[in-house]
Protein backbone atom coordinates (compact mmCIF):
# COMPACT_ATOMS: atom_id res chain seq x y z
CA UNK A 1 -8.32 8.15 12.91
CA UNK A 2 -11.18 8.56 12.23
CA UNK A 3 -11.95 9.65 15.94
CA UNK A 4 -9.43 12.30 15.75
CA UNK A 5 -9.85 13.50 12.51
CA UNK A 6 -13.73 14.93 11.43
CA UNK A 7 -12.90 13.93 7.63
CA UNK A 8 -9.90 11.49 7.15
CA UNK A 9 -8.80 11.59 2.96
CA UNK A 10 -8.89 7.84 1.98
CA UNK A 11 -5.92 7.55 0.40
CA UNK A 12 -3.90 8.93 4.10
CA UNK A 13 -5.66 5.84 5.76
CA UNK A 14 -5.28 3.25 3.33
CA UNK A 15 -1.71 4.21 3.59
CA UNK A 16 -1.64 4.43 7.18
CA UNK A 17 -2.87 1.35 7.30
CA UNK A 18 -0.58 -0.68 5.06
CA UNK A 19 2.28 1.27 6.72
CA UNK A 20 1.09 0.11 9.87
CA UNK A 21 0.51 -3.45 9.47
CA UNK A 22 4.11 -3.75 7.63
CA UNK A 23 6.09 -1.84 9.83
CA UNK A 24 5.58 -4.19 12.49
CA UNK A 25 8.33 -7.25 11.30
CA UNK A 26 9.79 -5.07 7.75
CA UNK A 27 11.90 -2.15 7.60
CA UNK A 28 9.53 0.27 6.13
CA UNK A 29 10.59 3.83 3.76
CA UNK A 30 9.50 6.49 1.77
CA UNK A 31 10.31 6.57 -1.70
CA UNK A 32 10.05 9.45 -4.35
CA UNK A 33 8.81 6.31 -6.73
CA UNK A 34 5.55 4.53 -5.12
CA UNK A 35 4.44 4.89 -1.91
CA UNK A 36 6.88 2.73 -0.02
CA UNK A 37 9.79 0.49 -0.19
CA UNK A 38 9.64 -2.54 1.97
CA UNK A 39 12.95 -4.19 3.09
CA UNK A 40 14.49 -1.95 1.14
CA UNK A 41 13.56 -4.40 -1.47
CA UNK A 42 10.18 -4.35 -2.72
CA UNK A 43 8.28 -1.20 -4.29
CA UNK A 44 4.09 -0.64 -3.27
CA UNK A 45 1.86 1.70 -4.66
CA UNK A 46 -1.23 2.20 -2.66
CA UNK A 47 -4.90 3.00 -4.09
CA UNK A 48 -8.28 2.28 -4.45
CA UNK A 49 -10.04 0.13 -6.90
CA UNK A 50 -8.95 1.46 -10.29
CA UNK A 51 -5.03 2.05 -9.22
CA UNK A 52 -2.55 0.75 -11.78
CA UNK A 53 1.01 0.51 -12.42
CA UNK A 54 1.79 4.12 -14.31
CA UNK A 55 3.72 5.31 -11.20
CA UNK A 56 5.61 1.95 -10.65
CA UNK A 57 5.97 0.57 -14.29
CA UNK A 58 9.81 0.59 -14.90
CA UNK A 59 10.64 -0.14 -10.99
CA UNK A 60 11.52 -3.59 -10.60
CA UNK A 61 9.82 -5.59 -7.48
CA UNK A 62 6.55 -3.27 -7.74
CA UNK A 63 3.28 -4.41 -6.32
CA UNK A 64 0.08 -2.16 -6.60
CA UNK A 65 -1.93 -2.74 -3.34
CA UNK A 66 -5.15 -1.73 -4.09
CA UNK A 67 -8.29 -0.99 -1.70
CA UNK A 68 -11.95 -1.84 -2.53
CA UNK A 69 -11.10 -5.27 -4.14
CA UNK A 70 -11.44 -8.67 -3.11
CA UNK A 71 -8.92 -10.90 -5.32
CA UNK A 72 -5.84 -9.60 -6.35
CA UNK A 73 -4.19 -11.01 -9.61
CA UNK A 74 -0.62 -10.98 -10.71
CA UNK A 75 1.48 -8.01 -8.96
CA UNK A 76 -2.01 -6.54 -7.49
CA UNK A 77 -2.48 -7.28 -3.98
CA UNK A 78 -5.73 -6.63 -2.22
CA UNK A 79 -5.42 -4.17 0.92
CA UNK A 80 -7.27 -6.17 3.23
CA UNK A 81 -4.79 -9.15 2.85
CA UNK A 82 -2.34 -7.23 4.77
CA UNK A 83 -4.55 -7.39 7.73
CA UNK A 84 -3.32 -10.63 8.17
CA UNK A 85 0.26 -9.16 8.88
CA UNK A 86 -0.91 -8.21 12.59
């Protein structure tokens, strides 16, 4: 991605990574609330270290995927863990 575009937005890079890692074995769609819905069941909001549940607070089965954190807690999952899905 960085080889093709000189300045890649970090949010676009995070979301592209998440989509790439999950699409192989799951059906990933866009939603108006949150960033992605996986298998029509789980809603994911992808963001940086400070990303919270503001956008998906009322959505059942929702998760925040944070970049720049080592450990998750509750419904917050570190982005790097999705690298193991490949």
